[in-house]
Full PDB file with SEQRES, HELIX, SHEET, SSBOND, CRYST1, ORIGX, SCALE, CONECT and MASTER records, all heavy atoms in Angstrom:
SEQRES   1 A   29  VAL LEU MET ILE THR LEU VAL SER VAL THR LEU TYR ALA          
SEQRES   2 A   29  CYS GLN SER VAL LYS PRO LEU GLU ASN PRO GLU PRO GLU          
SEQRES   3 A   29  LEU PHE SER                                                  
HELIX    1 AA1 LEU A    2  GLN A   15  1                                  14    
HELIX    2 AA2 PRO A   25  LEU A   27  5                                   3    
CRYST1    1.000    1.000    1.000  90.00  90.00  90.00 P 1           1          
ORIGX1      1.000000  0.000000  0.000000        0.00000                         
ORIGX2      0.000000  1.000000  0.000000        0.00000                         
ORIGX3      0.000000  0.000000  1.000000        0.00000                         
SCALE1      1.000000  0.000000  0.000000        0.00000                         
SCALE2      0.000000  1.000000  0.000000        0.00000                         
SCALE3      0.000000  0.000000  1.000000        0.00000                         
ATOM      1  N   VAL A   1      22.291  48.586   0.815  1.00  0.00           N  
ATOM      2  CA  VAL A   1      22.702  48.093   2.137  1.00  0.00           C  
ATOM      3  C   VAL A   1      22.342  49.108   3.224  1.00  0.00           C  
ATOM      4  O   VAL A   1      21.854  48.742   4.297  1.00  0.00           O  
ATOM      5  CB  VAL A   1      24.214  47.763   2.159  1.00  0.00           C  
ATOM      6  CG1 VAL A   1      24.707  47.523   3.567  1.00  0.00           C  
ATOM      7  CG2 VAL A   1      24.512  46.572   1.264  1.00  0.00           C  
ATOM      8  N   LEU A   2      22.561  50.383   2.958  1.00  0.00           N  
ATOM      9  CA  LEU A   2      22.217  51.420   3.932  1.00  0.00           C  
ATOM     10  C   LEU A   2      20.713  51.466   4.183  1.00  0.00           C  
ATOM     11  O   LEU A   2      20.274  51.635   5.323  1.00  0.00           O  
ATOM     12  CB  LEU A   2      22.717  52.782   3.469  1.00  0.00           C  
ATOM     13  CG  LEU A   2      24.224  53.016   3.582  1.00  0.00           C  
ATOM     14  CD1 LEU A   2      24.602  54.349   2.961  1.00  0.00           C  
ATOM     15  CD2 LEU A   2      24.671  52.950   5.024  1.00  0.00           C  
ATOM     16  N   MET A   3      19.920  51.312   3.140  1.00  0.00           N  
ATOM     17  CA  MET A   3      18.463  51.317   3.303  1.00  0.00           C  
ATOM     18  C   MET A   3      18.005  50.125   4.133  1.00  0.00           C  
ATOM     19  O   MET A   3      17.171  50.266   5.026  1.00  0.00           O  
ATOM     20  CB  MET A   3      17.775  51.324   1.934  1.00  0.00           C  
ATOM     21  CG  MET A   3      17.882  52.652   1.221  1.00  0.00           C  
ATOM     22  SD  MET A   3      17.160  52.640  -0.435  1.00  0.00           S  
ATOM     23  CE  MET A   3      15.506  52.149  -0.104  1.00  0.00           C  
ATOM     24  N   ILE A   4      18.550  48.956   3.864  1.00  0.00           N  
ATOM     25  CA  ILE A   4      18.187  47.756   4.634  1.00  0.00           C  
ATOM     26  C   ILE A   4      18.599  47.922   6.089  1.00  0.00           C  
ATOM     27  O   ILE A   4      17.835  47.586   6.994  1.00  0.00           O  
ATOM     28  CB  ILE A   4      18.824  46.497   4.014  1.00  0.00           C  
ATOM     29  CG1 ILE A   4      18.138  46.186   2.686  1.00  0.00           C  
ATOM     30  CG2 ILE A   4      18.730  45.307   4.954  1.00  0.00           C  
ATOM     31  CD1 ILE A   4      18.750  45.034   1.925  1.00  0.00           C  
ATOM     32  N   THR A   5      19.777  48.463   6.319  1.00  0.00           N  
ATOM     33  CA  THR A   5      20.237  48.689   7.692  1.00  0.00           C  
ATOM     34  C   THR A   5      19.323  49.671   8.416  1.00  0.00           C  
ATOM     35  O   THR A   5      18.948  49.444   9.570  1.00  0.00           O  
ATOM     36  CB  THR A   5      21.682  49.223   7.682  1.00  0.00           C  
ATOM     37  OG1 THR A   5      22.515  48.298   6.993  1.00  0.00           O  
ATOM     38  CG2 THR A   5      22.198  49.439   9.094  1.00  0.00           C  
ATOM     39  N   LEU A   6      18.958  50.751   7.751  1.00  0.00           N  
ATOM     40  CA  LEU A   6      18.073  51.747   8.363  1.00  0.00           C  
ATOM     41  C   LEU A   6      16.719  51.149   8.699  1.00  0.00           C  
ATOM     42  O   LEU A   6      16.198  51.360   9.803  1.00  0.00           O  
ATOM     43  CB  LEU A   6      17.906  52.946   7.429  1.00  0.00           C  
ATOM     44  CG  LEU A   6      16.989  54.060   7.931  1.00  0.00           C  
ATOM     45  CD1 LEU A   6      17.560  54.675   9.195  1.00  0.00           C  
ATOM     46  CD2 LEU A   6      16.817  55.110   6.862  1.00  0.00           C  
ATOM     47  N   VAL A   7      16.150  50.388   7.804  1.00  0.00           N  
ATOM     48  CA  VAL A   7      14.852  49.751   8.059  1.00  0.00           C  
ATOM     49  C   VAL A   7      14.970  48.758   9.210  1.00  0.00           C  
ATOM     50  O   VAL A   7      14.113  48.708  10.100  1.00  0.00           O  
ATOM     51  CB  VAL A   7      14.319  49.056   6.777  1.00  0.00           C  
ATOM     52  CG1 VAL A   7      13.143  48.156   7.086  1.00  0.00           C  
ATOM     53  CG2 VAL A   7      13.935  50.099   5.742  1.00  0.00           C  
ATOM     54  N   SER A   8      16.027  47.973   9.246  1.00  0.00           N  
ATOM     55  CA  SER A   8      16.222  46.988  10.318  1.00  0.00           C  
ATOM     56  C   SER A   8      16.343  47.661  11.677  1.00  0.00           C  
ATOM     57  O   SER A   8      15.736  47.229  12.659  1.00  0.00           O  
ATOM     58  CB  SER A   8      17.468  46.144  10.052  1.00  0.00           C  
ATOM     59  OG  SER A   8      17.334  45.434   8.858  1.00  0.00           O  
ATOM     60  N   VAL A   9      17.140  48.721  11.748  1.00  0.00           N  
ATOM     61  CA  VAL A   9      17.321  49.440  13.013  1.00  0.00           C  
ATOM     62  C   VAL A   9      16.007  50.070  13.454  1.00  0.00           C  
ATOM     63  O   VAL A   9      15.645  50.029  14.631  1.00  0.00           O  
ATOM     64  CB  VAL A   9      18.444  50.497  12.881  1.00  0.00           C  
ATOM     65  CG1 VAL A   9      18.453  51.443  14.066  1.00  0.00           C  
ATOM     66  CG2 VAL A   9      19.788  49.819  12.718  1.00  0.00           C  
ATOM     67  N   THR A  10      15.261  50.643  12.529  1.00  0.00           N  
ATOM     68  CA  THR A  10      13.978  51.256  12.854  1.00  0.00           C  
ATOM     69  C   THR A  10      12.987  50.225  13.380  1.00  0.00           C  
ATOM     70  O   THR A  10      12.315  50.452  14.385  1.00  0.00           O  
ATOM     71  CB  THR A  10      13.387  51.971  11.622  1.00  0.00           C  
ATOM     72  OG1 THR A  10      14.328  52.936  11.160  1.00  0.00           O  
ATOM     73  CG2 THR A  10      12.072  52.641  11.954  1.00  0.00           C  
ATOM     74  N   LEU A  11      12.902  49.079  12.725  1.00  0.00           N  
ATOM     75  CA  LEU A  11      11.994  48.028  13.187  1.00  0.00           C  
ATOM     76  C   LEU A  11      12.407  47.498  14.553  1.00  0.00           C  
ATOM     77  O   LEU A  11      11.568  47.236  15.398  1.00  0.00           O  
ATOM     78  CB  LEU A  11      11.933  46.886  12.169  1.00  0.00           C  
ATOM     79  CG  LEU A  11      11.194  47.205  10.874  1.00  0.00           C  
ATOM     80  CD1 LEU A  11      11.329  46.046   9.898  1.00  0.00           C  
ATOM     81  CD2 LEU A  11       9.744  47.521  11.132  1.00  0.00           C  
ATOM     82  N   TYR A  12      13.701  47.353  14.787  1.00  0.00           N  
ATOM     83  CA  TYR A  12      14.173  46.887  16.088  1.00  0.00           C  
ATOM     84  C   TYR A  12      13.826  47.901  17.173  1.00  0.00           C  
ATOM     85  O   TYR A  12      13.367  47.534  18.254  1.00  0.00           O  
ATOM     86  CB  TYR A  12      15.680  46.628  16.062  1.00  0.00           C  
ATOM     87  CG  TYR A  12      16.219  46.221  17.402  1.00  0.00           C  
ATOM     88  CD1 TYR A  12      16.010  44.928  17.875  1.00  0.00           C  
ATOM     89  CD2 TYR A  12      16.896  47.122  18.204  1.00  0.00           C  
ATOM     90  CE1 TYR A  12      16.479  44.546  19.120  1.00  0.00           C  
ATOM     91  CE2 TYR A  12      17.371  46.744  19.445  1.00  0.00           C  
ATOM     92  CZ  TYR A  12      17.162  45.458  19.901  1.00  0.00           C  
ATOM     93  OH  TYR A  12      17.621  45.089  21.130  1.00  0.00           O  
ATOM     94  N   ALA A  13      14.005  49.175  16.887  1.00  0.00           N  
ATOM     95  CA  ALA A  13      13.709  50.221  17.877  1.00  0.00           C  
ATOM     96  C   ALA A  13      12.231  50.248  18.222  1.00  0.00           C  
ATOM     97  O   ALA A  13      11.852  50.521  19.354  1.00  0.00           O  
ATOM     98  CB  ALA A  13      14.163  51.576  17.358  1.00  0.00           C  
ATOM     99  N   CYS A  14      11.384  49.961  17.255  1.00  0.00           N  
ATOM    100  CA  CYS A  14       9.944  49.954  17.517  1.00  0.00           C  
ATOM    101  C   CYS A  14       9.539  48.810  18.424  1.00  0.00           C  
ATOM    102  O   CYS A  14       8.538  48.879  19.116  1.00  0.00           O  
ATOM    103  CB  CYS A  14       9.162  49.858  16.201  1.00  0.00           C  
ATOM    104  SG  CYS A  14       9.268  51.347  15.215  1.00  0.00           S  
ATOM    105  N   GLN A  15      10.303  47.740  18.435  1.00  0.00           N  
ATOM    106  CA  GLN A  15       9.984  46.578  19.248  1.00  0.00           C  
ATOM    107  C   GLN A  15      10.616  46.635  20.639  1.00  0.00           C  
ATOM    108  O   GLN A  15      10.339  45.797  21.472  1.00  0.00           O  
ATOM    109  CB  GLN A  15      10.451  45.290  18.543  1.00  0.00           C  
ATOM    110  CG  GLN A  15       9.641  44.958  17.325  1.00  0.00           C  
ATOM    111  CD  GLN A  15       8.202  44.606  17.672  1.00  0.00           C  
ATOM    112  OE1 GLN A  15       7.916  44.081  18.731  1.00  0.00           O  
ATOM    113  NE2 GLN A  15       7.295  44.917  16.777  1.00  0.00           N  
ATOM    114  N   SER A  16      11.493  47.608  20.891  1.00  0.00           N  
ATOM    115  CA  SER A  16      12.140  47.662  22.196  1.00  0.00           C  
ATOM    116  C   SER A  16      11.106  48.025  23.263  1.00  0.00           C  
ATOM    117  O   SER A  16      10.204  48.804  23.032  1.00  0.00           O  
ATOM    118  CB  SER A  16      13.290  48.660  22.196  1.00  0.00           C  
ATOM    119  OG  SER A  16      12.812  49.958  22.011  1.00  0.00           O  
ATOM    120  N   VAL A  17      11.270  47.431  24.408  1.00  0.00           N  
ATOM    121  CA  VAL A  17      10.328  47.612  25.512  1.00  0.00           C  
ATOM    122  C   VAL A  17      11.014  48.452  26.586  1.00  0.00           C  
ATOM    123  O   VAL A  17      12.088  48.104  27.050  1.00  0.00           O  
ATOM    124  CB  VAL A  17       9.891  46.245  26.084  1.00  0.00           C  
ATOM    125  CG1 VAL A  17       8.975  46.428  27.263  1.00  0.00           C  
ATOM    126  CG2 VAL A  17       9.241  45.409  25.000  1.00  0.00           C  
ATOM    127  N   LYS A  18      10.370  49.546  26.951  1.00  0.00           N  
ATOM    128  CA  LYS A  18      10.926  50.425  27.969  1.00  0.00           C  
ATOM    129  C   LYS A  18      10.082  50.336  29.235  1.00  0.00           C  
ATOM    130  O   LYS A  18       8.859  50.286  29.162  1.00  0.00           O  
ATOM    131  CB  LYS A  18      10.951  51.862  27.462  1.00  0.00           C  
ATOM    132  CG  LYS A  18      11.869  52.041  26.281  1.00  0.00           C  
ATOM    133  CD  LYS A  18      11.871  53.460  25.803  1.00  0.00           C  
ATOM    134  CE  LYS A  18      12.761  53.566  24.582  1.00  0.00           C  
ATOM    135  NZ  LYS A  18      12.703  54.870  23.971  1.00  0.00           N  
ATOM    136  N   PRO A  19      10.731  50.346  30.393  1.00  0.00           N  
ATOM    137  CA  PRO A  19       9.960  50.346  31.645  1.00  0.00           C  
ATOM    138  C   PRO A  19       9.225  51.665  31.837  1.00  0.00           C  
ATOM    139  O   PRO A  19       9.573  52.684  31.243  1.00  0.00           O  
ATOM    140  CB  PRO A  19      11.030  50.149  32.723  1.00  0.00           C  
ATOM    141  CG  PRO A  19      12.312  50.517  32.091  1.00  0.00           C  
ATOM    142  CD  PRO A  19      12.169  50.330  30.615  1.00  0.00           C  
ATOM    143  N   LEU A  20       8.189  51.625  32.670  1.00  0.00           N  
ATOM    144  CA  LEU A  20       7.422  52.834  32.975  1.00  0.00           C  
ATOM    145  C   LEU A  20       8.282  53.790  33.787  1.00  0.00           C  
ATOM    146  O   LEU A  20       9.061  53.373  34.648  1.00  0.00           O  
ATOM    147  CB  LEU A  20       6.162  52.456  33.755  1.00  0.00           C  
ATOM    148  CG  LEU A  20       5.182  51.547  33.013  1.00  0.00           C  
ATOM    149  CD1 LEU A  20       4.086  51.084  33.955  1.00  0.00           C  
ATOM    150  CD2 LEU A  20       4.594  52.260  31.819  1.00  0.00           C  
ATOM    151  N   GLU A  21       8.132  55.072  33.531  1.00  0.00           N  
ATOM    152  CA  GLU A  21       8.961  56.068  34.209  1.00  0.00           C  
ATOM    153  C   GLU A  21       8.484  56.379  35.621  1.00  0.00           C  
ATOM    154  O   GLU A  21       9.275  56.566  36.518  1.00  0.00           O  
ATOM    155  CB  GLU A  21       9.027  57.346  33.372  1.00  0.00           C  
ATOM    156  CG  GLU A  21       9.835  57.161  32.112  1.00  0.00           C  
ATOM    157  CD  GLU A  21       9.974  58.446  31.333  1.00  0.00           C  
ATOM    158  OE1 GLU A  21       9.819  59.538  31.925  1.00  0.00           O  
ATOM    159  OE2 GLU A  21      10.251  58.360  30.128  1.00  0.00           O  
ATOM    160  N   ASN A  22       7.179  56.487  35.828  1.00  0.00           N  
ATOM    161  CA  ASN A  22       6.650  56.812  37.151  1.00  0.00           C  
ATOM    162  C   ASN A  22       5.457  55.904  37.446  1.00  0.00           C  
ATOM    163  O   ASN A  22       4.310  56.353  37.407  1.00  0.00           O  
ATOM    164  CB  ASN A  22       6.250  58.292  37.204  1.00  0.00           C  
ATOM    165  CG  ASN A  22       5.846  58.710  38.591  1.00  0.00           C  
ATOM    166  OD1 ASN A  22       6.184  58.061  39.563  1.00  0.00           O  
ATOM    167  ND2 ASN A  22       5.101  59.795  38.684  1.00  0.00           N  
ATOM    168  N   PRO A  23       5.703  54.634  37.776  1.00  0.00           N  
ATOM    169  CA  PRO A  23       4.597  53.680  37.899  1.00  0.00           C  
ATOM    170  C   PRO A  23       3.750  53.803  39.163  1.00  0.00           C  
ATOM    171  O   PRO A  23       2.654  53.277  39.205  1.00  0.00           O  
ATOM    172  CB  PRO A  23       5.311  52.330  37.865  1.00  0.00           C  
ATOM    173  CG  PRO A  23       6.656  52.620  38.429  1.00  0.00           C  
ATOM    174  CD  PRO A  23       6.989  54.014  37.967  1.00  0.00           C  
ATOM    175  N   GLU A  24       4.235  54.460  40.199  1.00  0.00           N  
ATOM    176  CA  GLU A  24       3.536  54.595  41.482  1.00  0.00           C  
ATOM    177  C   GLU A  24       3.096  53.234  42.045  1.00  0.00           C  
ATOM    178  O   GLU A  24       1.910  52.995  42.280  1.00  0.00           O  
ATOM    179  CB  GLU A  24       2.327  55.515  41.349  1.00  0.00           C  
ATOM    180  CG  GLU A  24       2.674  56.913  40.897  1.00  0.00           C  
ATOM    181  CD  GLU A  24       1.458  57.796  40.748  1.00  0.00           C  
ATOM    182  OE1 GLU A  24       0.506  57.386  40.060  1.00  0.00           O  
ATOM    183  OE2 GLU A  24       1.473  58.894  41.328  1.00  0.00           O  
ATOM    184  N   PRO A  25       4.020  52.329  42.275  1.00  0.00           N  
ATOM    185  CA  PRO A  25       3.673  50.981  42.743  1.00  0.00           C  
ATOM    186  C   PRO A  25       2.958  50.956  44.088  1.00  0.00           C  
ATOM    187  O   PRO A  25       2.272  49.979  44.402  1.00  0.00           O  
ATOM    188  CB  PRO A  25       5.018  50.265  42.817  1.00  0.00           C  
ATOM    189  CG  PRO A  25       6.025  51.349  42.936  1.00  0.00           C  
ATOM    190  CD  PRO A  25       5.463  52.520  42.191  1.00  0.00           C  
ATOM    191  N   GLU A  26       3.061  52.010  44.875  1.00  0.00           N  
ATOM    192  CA  GLU A  26       2.372  52.048  46.174  1.00  0.00           C  
ATOM    193  C   GLU A  26       0.851  52.059  46.017  1.00  0.00           C  
ATOM    194  O   GLU A  26       0.129  51.786  46.973  1.00  0.00           O  
ATOM    195  CB  GLU A  26       2.849  53.251  47.000  1.00  0.00           C  
ATOM    196  CG  GLU A  26       2.512  54.598  46.426  1.00  0.00           C  
ATOM    197  CD  GLU A  26       3.477  55.105  45.350  1.00  0.00           C  
ATOM    198  OE1 GLU A  26       4.425  54.392  44.976  1.00  0.00           O  
ATOM    199  OE2 GLU A  26       3.261  56.229  44.881  1.00  0.00           O  
ATOM    200  N   LEU A  27       0.361  52.369  44.821  1.00  0.00           N  
ATOM    201  CA  LEU A  27      -1.087  52.382  44.557  1.00  0.00           C  
ATOM    202  C   LEU A  27      -1.614  51.020  44.114  1.00  0.00           C  
ATOM    203  O   LEU A  27      -2.799  50.881  43.814  1.00  0.00           O  
ATOM    204  CB  LEU A  27      -1.422  53.424  43.489  1.00  0.00           C  
ATOM    205  CG  LEU A  27      -1.024  54.865  43.797  1.00  0.00           C  
ATOM    206  CD1 LEU A  27      -1.338  55.771  42.620  1.00  0.00           C  
ATOM    207  CD2 LEU A  27      -1.726  55.348  45.059  1.00  0.00           C  
ATOM    208  N   PHE A  28      -0.739  50.009  44.068  1.00  0.00           N  
ATOM    209  CA  PHE A  28      -1.093  48.694  43.551  1.00  0.00           C  
ATOM    210  C   PHE A  28      -0.858  47.619  44.607  1.00  0.00           C  
ATOM    211  O   PHE A  28      -0.076  47.797  45.526  1.00  0.00           O  
ATOM    212  CB  PHE A  28      -0.244  48.377  42.314  1.00  0.00           C  
ATOM    213  CG  PHE A  28      -0.539  49.271  41.136  1.00  0.00           C  
ATOM    214  CD1 PHE A  28      -0.028  50.558  41.082  1.00  0.00           C  
ATOM    215  CD2 PHE A  28      -1.319  48.826  40.089  1.00  0.00           C  
ATOM    216  CE1 PHE A  28      -0.290  51.388  40.003  1.00  0.00           C  
ATOM    217  CE2 PHE A  28      -1.584  49.640  39.009  1.00  0.00           C  
ATOM    218  CZ  PHE A  28      -1.071  50.918  38.969  1.00  0.00           C  
ATOM    219  N   SER A  29      -1.547  46.495  44.442  1.00  0.00           N  
ATOM    220  CA  SER A  29      -1.336  45.351  45.333  1.00  0.00           C  
ATOM    221  C   SER A  29      -1.165  44.090  44.479  1.00  0.00           C  
ATOM    222  O   SER A  29      -1.507  44.065  43.296  1.00  0.00           O  
ATOM    223  CB  SER A  29      -2.509  45.196  46.301  1.00  0.00           C  
ATOM    224  OG  SER A  29      -3.713  45.004  45.583  1.00  0.00           O  
TER     225      SER A  29                                                      
MASTER        0    0    0    2    0    0    0    6  224    1    0    3          
END                                                                             
């Protein structure tokens, strides 16, 4: 159960989407 939980959490973390930290939107239109 611990192994399955660890694998599930790891796979979920790999799929998480994080916003860009310094996108500089003023350079885009």
